[in-house]
Amino acid sequence: MTWTQNTFDNPVTRYPKVEPPEDMVAEPGRDSELDPPADHGEDSYVGSGRLEGRKALVTGGDSGIGAAVAIAFAREGADVAIVYLPAEQVDANHVAEQIEKAGRKAVLIPGDLTERAFCGVAVEHALDALGGLDILVNNAGKQIFCEDLAQLPDDQFELTMRTNIHAMFYLTKAALPHLPAGATIINTTSVQAYLPGAQLVDYATTKAAINAFTKALAGQLAPKGIRVNAVAPGPIWTPLQPSQGQPPAKLPKFGEQTALGRAGQPAELAPAYVFLASPESSYVVGETLAVTGGMPTP
């Protein structure tokens, strides 16, 4: 008997290794300035109607993981509102164009999620523009490295907490009265919650807190038919990394510590969010889905 060997995508080589220069860019960082550029699935993600008619709000939806999620959601049939900082307007316009090319409605909501009042405004804007809301993706995040706790500024610690934790709480609280049974909330945590880098004390702390927030809230909302889950990315090539998210000397080898030996691309995260948002994951509650390139998590 003769066997024919099929050719599949090799995950080691599906995307090239990221070998960025040690140069830092100004925070918050922009996808339009990323070198090398990231892949958000613009040329590869193909939808199949898994989120037809859904209405999603994605924070940090202008770039990185949020951009890939917004594009995938639209191609799966959802209308999408994205929240982003005003300085990231160019990136937001690109994502909106991708959403509209998929034949879905794009809603742009610029503003600062560290301001409690804006979190409520963002939810109301999304509700009005989309005509409802049934998917909330809490993805916006702040990450700035610091090698020595004694040198970690108090205001940086507080701003990381407000961006990564407080905004998630305020957005979710504002959205809850409007979420129907069958709605989903997806929070972005990180492998840093399990394998915290010594230079990311404040960031890693918030990501561990997000895991706990997700599991506690999942138990609270499951009886109402609202599922809460999280995605834990590994080292993903996004504007967070070169905008002070990593020490400059580590950038050229970013992601090489994974089992696959390379950094992930935002496009590789989007299917996890689609799965958790869709009815296919109806029995998945309080889960943290790790997409880490093989970095171990509990």
Protein backbone atom coordinates (compact mmCIF):
# COMPACT_ATOMS: atom_id res chain seq x y z
CA MET A 1 0.00 0.00 0.00
CA THR A 2 1.28 3.45 -0.89
CA TRP A 3 0.66 6.28 1.54
CA THR A 4 0.43 9.88 0.37
CA GLN A 5 1.78 12.43 2.81
CA ASN A 6 -0.53 15.42 3.20
CA THR A 7 0.93 18.88 3.52
CA PHE A 8 -0.27 20.91 6.48
CA ASP A 9 0.75 24.26 7.91
CA ASN A 10 3.74 23.73 10.18
CA PRO A 11 3.09 25.91 13.26
CA VAL A 12 6.82 26.47 13.69
CA THR A 13 7.16 28.08 10.28
CA ARG A 14 3.63 29.25 9.54
CA TYR A 15 4.70 32.77 10.50
CA PRO A 16 8.28 34.06 10.32
CA LYS A 17 10.21 34.75 13.50
CA VAL A 18 9.90 38.30 14.70
CA GLU A 19 13.32 39.92 14.88
CA PRO A 20 12.62 43.58 15.63
CA PRO A 21 15.37 46.12 16.30
CA GLU A 22 16.06 47.28 19.84
CA ASP A 23 14.47 50.64 19.06
CA MET A 24 11.66 51.83 21.31
CA VAL A 25 8.63 53.71 19.98
CA ALA A 26 6.48 56.22 21.82
CA GLU A 27 3.72 54.84 24.00
CA PRO A 28 0.99 53.73 23.40
CA GLY A 29 2.46 52.38 20.17
CA ARG A 30 0.70 52.03 16.84
CA ASP A 31 0.28 49.12 14.48
CA SER A 32 0.88 51.46 11.55
CA GLU A 33 4.42 52.06 12.88
CA LEU A 34 5.23 48.49 13.94
CA ASP A 35 8.44 47.03 12.51
CA PRO A 36 8.06 44.30 11.39
CA PRO A 37 4.29 44.65 10.85
CA ALA A 38 1.85 42.38 12.67
CA ASP A 39 -0.66 40.06 11.01
CA HIS A 40 -4.28 40.60 12.09
CA GLY A 41 -5.76 38.15 9.64
CA GLU A 42 -6.61 40.76 7.01
CA ASP A 43 -5.56 38.39 4.23
CA SER A 44 -6.19 35.06 5.91
CA TYR A 45 -9.20 34.95 8.23
CA VAL A 46 -12.26 33.45 6.55
CA GLY A 47 -15.56 33.55 8.43
CA SER A 48 -18.38 31.04 8.37
CA GLY A 49 -21.31 32.89 9.95
CA ARG A 50 -20.60 31.75 13.51
CA LEU A 51 -21.51 35.16 14.97
CA GLU A 52 -24.23 36.16 12.54
CA GLY A 53 -26.31 39.03 13.89
CA ARG A 54 -24.24 39.50 17.04
CA LYS A 55 -23.22 42.90 18.44
CA ALA A 56 -19.76 43.20 19.97
CA LEU A 57 -17.76 45.79 21.89
CA VAL A 58 -13.99 45.28 21.79
CA THR A 59 -11.66 47.47 23.84
CA GLY A 60 -8.20 48.07 22.46
CA GLY A 61 -9.73 47.13 19.13
CA ASP A 62 -7.53 49.39 17.06
CA SER A 63 -4.38 47.27 17.14
CA GLY A 64 -2.81 43.98 18.13
CA ILE A 65 -5.06 41.27 19.49
CA GLY A 66 -8.08 43.56 19.66
CA ALA A 67 -7.78 44.43 15.98
CA ALA A 68 -7.55 40.76 14.99
CA VAL A 69 -10.58 39.94 17.13
CA ALA A 70 -12.64 42.79 15.68
CA ILE A 71 -11.81 41.74 12.12
CA ALA A 72 -12.60 38.07 12.81
CA PHE A 73 -15.89 38.93 14.56
CA ALA A 74 -16.99 40.99 11.56
CA ARG A 75 -16.12 38.23 9.13
CA GLU A 76 -18.16 35.87 11.28
CA GLY A 77 -21.19 38.16 10.92
CA ALA A 78 -21.05 40.51 13.92
CA ASP A 79 -21.32 44.28 14.01
CA VAL A 80 -18.40 45.63 16.02
CA ALA A 81 -17.69 48.71 18.12
CA ILE A 82 -14.06 49.32 19.09
CA VAL A 83 -12.68 51.50 21.89
CA TYR A 84 -9.23 53.03 21.53
CA LEU A 85 -7.13 56.03 22.55
CA PRO A 86 -7.56 59.10 20.32
CA ALA A 87 -3.84 58.93 19.45
CA GLU A 88 -4.52 55.58 17.75
CA GLN A 89 -7.03 56.94 15.22
CA VAL A 90 -5.07 55.82 12.15
CA ASP A 91 -5.06 52.21 13.37
CA ALA A 92 -8.74 52.42 14.31
CA ASN A 93 -9.63 53.64 10.82
CA HIS A 94 -7.86 50.62 9.31
CA VAL A 95 -9.83 48.20 11.50
CA ALA A 96 -13.10 49.98 10.71
CA GLU A 97 -12.34 49.63 7.01
CA GLN A 98 -11.82 45.88 7.45
CA ILE A 99 -15.09 45.54 9.38
CA GLU A 100 -17.01 47.41 6.70
CA LYS A 101 -15.40 45.38 3.92
CA ALA A 102 -16.89 42.33 5.63
CA GLY A 103 -20.31 43.95 5.21
CA ARG A 104 -20.76 44.72 8.91
CA LYS A 105 -21.23 47.91 10.88
CA ALA A 106 -18.15 49.50 12.46
CA VAL A 107 -18.47 51.90 15.38
CA LEU A 108 -15.46 53.94 16.52
CA ILE A 109 -15.32 55.07 20.15
CA PRO A 110 -12.19 57.06 20.99
CA GLY A 111 -11.47 57.81 24.64
CA ASP A 112 -9.55 56.96 27.79
CA LEU A 113 -10.79 53.88 29.67
CA THR A 114 -8.88 54.89 32.80
CA GLU A 115 -11.62 57.51 33.27
CA ARG A 116 -14.53 55.84 35.01
CA ALA A 117 -17.15 58.09 33.40
CA PHE A 118 -15.90 57.26 29.92
CA CYS A 119 -16.40 53.52 30.51
CA GLY A 120 -20.13 54.15 30.92
CA VAL A 121 -20.16 56.48 27.92
CA ALA A 122 -18.44 53.86 25.76
CA VAL A 123 -21.03 51.21 26.62
CA GLU A 124 -23.93 53.60 25.97
CA HIS A 125 -22.40 54.66 22.65
CA ALA A 126 -22.03 51.03 21.57
CA LEU A 127 -25.58 50.19 22.63
CA ASP A 128 -27.05 53.12 20.72
CA ALA A 129 -24.98 52.61 17.58
CA LEU A 130 -25.30 48.82 17.41
CA GLY A 131 -28.86 48.56 18.67
CA GLY A 132 -27.84 46.31 21.54
CA LEU A 133 -24.86 44.41 22.90
CA ASP A 134 -24.23 40.69 23.44
CA ILE A 135 -20.44 40.32 23.29
CA LEU A 136 -18.03 42.28 25.48
CA VAL A 137 -14.29 41.80 24.97
CA ASN A 138 -12.21 43.47 27.70
CA ASN A 139 -8.88 43.56 25.92
CA ALA A 140 -7.28 47.00 26.37
CA GLY A 141 -4.09 46.82 28.39
CA LYS A 142 -1.05 48.72 29.58
CA GLN A 143 2.41 47.14 29.87
CA ILE A 144 5.62 49.02 30.73
CA PHE A 145 8.69 47.14 31.90
CA CYS A 146 10.62 48.09 35.03
CA GLU A 147 13.64 46.10 36.19
CA ASP A 148 13.60 47.31 39.84
CA LEU A 149 10.54 47.65 42.05
CA ALA A 150 12.23 50.53 43.87
CA GLN A 151 12.24 52.40 40.56
CA LEU A 152 8.62 51.59 39.64
CA PRO A 153 6.79 54.94 39.75
CA ASP A 154 3.64 55.01 41.86
CA ASP A 155 1.69 56.66 39.06
CA GLN A 156 2.75 53.94 36.59
CA PHE A 157 1.59 51.21 38.98
CA GLU A 158 -1.74 52.97 39.48
CA LEU A 159 -2.23 53.62 35.76
CA THR A 160 -1.57 49.95 34.95
CA MET A 161 -4.16 48.95 37.53
CA ARG A 162 -6.71 51.46 36.23
CA THR A 163 -6.20 50.39 32.62
CA ASN A 164 -6.09 46.63 33.09
CA ILE A 165 -8.40 46.06 36.08
CA HIS A 166 -10.52 49.09 36.92
CA ALA A 167 -11.64 49.66 33.33
CA MET A 168 -12.64 46.00 33.03
CA PHE A 169 -14.76 46.30 36.17
CA TYR A 170 -16.45 49.55 35.13
CA LEU A 171 -17.13 48.44 31.56
CA THR A 172 -18.55 45.11 32.64
CA LYS A 173 -20.70 46.72 35.32
CA ALA A 174 -22.07 49.22 32.81
CA ALA A 175 -22.78 46.54 30.20
CA LEU A 176 -24.40 43.95 32.47
CA PRO A 177 -27.91 45.44 32.62
CA HIS A 178 -28.05 45.28 28.83
CA LEU A 179 -26.63 41.80 28.22
CA PRO A 180 -29.25 39.15 27.36
CA ALA A 181 -29.10 35.45 28.12
CA GLY A 182 -26.69 33.96 25.59
CA ALA A 183 -24.33 36.91 25.83
CA THR A 184 -20.62 36.40 26.41
CA ILE A 185 -17.86 38.33 28.15
CA ILE A 186 -14.25 37.56 27.20
CA ASN A 187 -11.35 39.03 29.15
CA THR A 188 -7.74 39.15 27.96
CA THR A 189 -5.34 37.89 30.61
CA SER A 190 -1.80 36.63 29.85
CA VAL A 191 0.75 33.89 30.34
CA GLN A 192 2.26 36.48 32.69
CA ALA A 193 -0.42 35.48 35.19
CA TYR A 194 1.33 32.10 35.49
CA LEU A 195 4.93 32.84 34.51
CA PRO A 196 5.44 36.45 35.61
CA GLY A 197 8.47 38.21 34.22
CA ALA A 198 10.64 39.90 36.82
CA GLN A 199 10.45 43.16 34.86
CA LEU A 200 6.62 43.15 34.66
CA VAL A 201 5.54 43.09 38.31
CA ASP A 202 2.60 45.47 37.93
CA TYR A 203 1.41 44.05 34.60
CA ALA A 204 1.66 40.42 35.74
CA THR A 205 -0.23 41.28 38.92
CA THR A 206 -3.14 42.65 36.92
CA LYS A 207 -3.25 39.60 34.69
CA ALA A 208 -3.47 37.24 37.65
CA ALA A 209 -6.28 39.41 39.00
CA ILE A 210 -8.11 39.16 35.68
CA ASN A 211 -8.09 35.37 35.96
CA ALA A 212 -9.71 35.56 39.39
CA PHE A 213 -12.19 38.21 38.25
CA THR A 214 -13.16 36.04 35.30
CA LYS A 215 -13.76 32.90 37.33
CA ALA A 216 -15.67 34.64 40.12
CA LEU A 217 -17.88 36.57 37.71
CA ALA A 218 -18.46 33.46 35.62
CA GLY A 219 -19.99 31.70 38.61
CA GLN A 220 -22.16 34.71 39.34
CA LEU A 221 -23.51 35.16 35.81
CA ALA A 222 -23.78 31.58 34.54
CA PRO A 223 -27.26 31.05 36.07
CA LYS A 224 -28.40 34.07 34.04
CA GLY A 225 -27.18 32.48 30.82
CA ILE A 226 -24.23 34.86 30.43
CA ARG A 227 -20.88 33.13 29.99
CA VAL A 228 -17.61 34.70 31.14
CA ASN A 229 -14.24 33.36 29.99
CA ALA A 230 -10.71 34.58 29.34
CA VAL A 231 -7.91 34.14 26.83
CA ALA A 232 -4.29 34.03 28.02
CA PRO A 233 -1.94 35.02 25.18
CA GLY A 234 1.73 34.20 25.26
CA PRO A 235 4.32 36.50 23.66
CA ILE A 236 2.35 38.09 20.82
CA TRP A 237 3.84 40.68 18.49
CA THR A 238 1.82 43.85 19.11
CA PRO A 239 2.61 47.55 19.64
CA LEU A 240 2.70 46.91 23.40
CA GLN A 241 6.10 45.25 23.07
CA PRO A 242 8.30 47.96 21.49
CA SER A 243 6.50 50.83 23.28
CA GLN A 244 8.30 50.08 26.57
CA GLY A 245 6.55 46.76 27.07
CA GLN A 246 9.85 44.87 26.88
CA PRO A 247 13.46 45.84 27.63
CA PRO A 248 15.02 46.89 24.29
CA ALA A 249 17.70 44.19 24.46
CA LYS A 250 15.01 41.48 24.57
CA LEU A 251 13.13 42.61 21.47
CA PRO A 252 15.33 40.90 18.82
CA LYS A 253 14.68 37.50 20.45
CA PHE A 254 11.06 38.15 21.44
CA GLY A 255 9.08 34.90 21.62
CA GLU A 256 12.04 32.53 21.20
CA GLN A 257 11.41 31.07 24.68
CA THR A 258 8.23 29.36 23.49
CA ALA A 259 8.08 25.71 22.42
CA LEU A 260 7.45 26.88 18.85
CA GLY A 261 10.50 29.13 19.06
CA ARG A 262 8.78 32.27 17.82
CA ALA A 263 6.40 35.04 18.82
CA GLY A 264 2.74 34.64 17.97
CA GLN A 265 0.79 36.91 15.66
CA PRO A 266 -2.51 38.57 16.61
CA ALA A 267 -4.22 36.57 13.86
CA GLU A 268 -3.42 33.39 15.81
CA LEU A 269 -5.44 34.64 18.80
CA ALA A 270 -8.65 35.58 16.99
CA PRO A 271 -10.05 32.02 16.65
CA ALA A 272 -9.94 31.56 20.43
CA TYR A 273 -12.13 34.63 20.93
CA VAL A 274 -14.50 33.56 18.16
CA PHE A 275 -14.88 30.15 19.82
CA LEU A 276 -15.61 31.65 23.24
CA ALA A 277 -18.09 34.15 21.74
CA SER A 278 -19.98 31.56 19.70
CA PRO A 279 -22.61 29.03 20.82
CA GLU A 280 -20.07 26.29 20.07
CA SER A 281 -18.59 26.98 23.52
CA SER A 282 -21.94 26.90 25.32
CA TYR A 283 -20.59 24.59 28.06
CA VAL A 284 -17.38 26.56 28.57
CA VAL A 285 -17.69 28.81 31.63
CA GLY A 286 -14.97 30.40 33.77
CA GLU A 287 -12.24 29.03 31.51
CA THR A 288 -8.90 30.62 30.71
CA LEU A 289 -7.93 29.48 27.24
CA ALA A 290 -4.14 29.59 26.87
CA VAL A 291 -2.70 30.52 23.47
CA THR A 292 0.95 30.60 24.41
CA GLY A 293 2.98 28.81 21.75
CA GLY A 294 3.63 26.01 24.24
CA MET A 295 4.60 28.03 27.33
CA PRO A 296 3.16 25.98 30.22
CA THR A 297 0.21 27.13 32.30
CA PRO A 298 -1.57 25.30 35.16
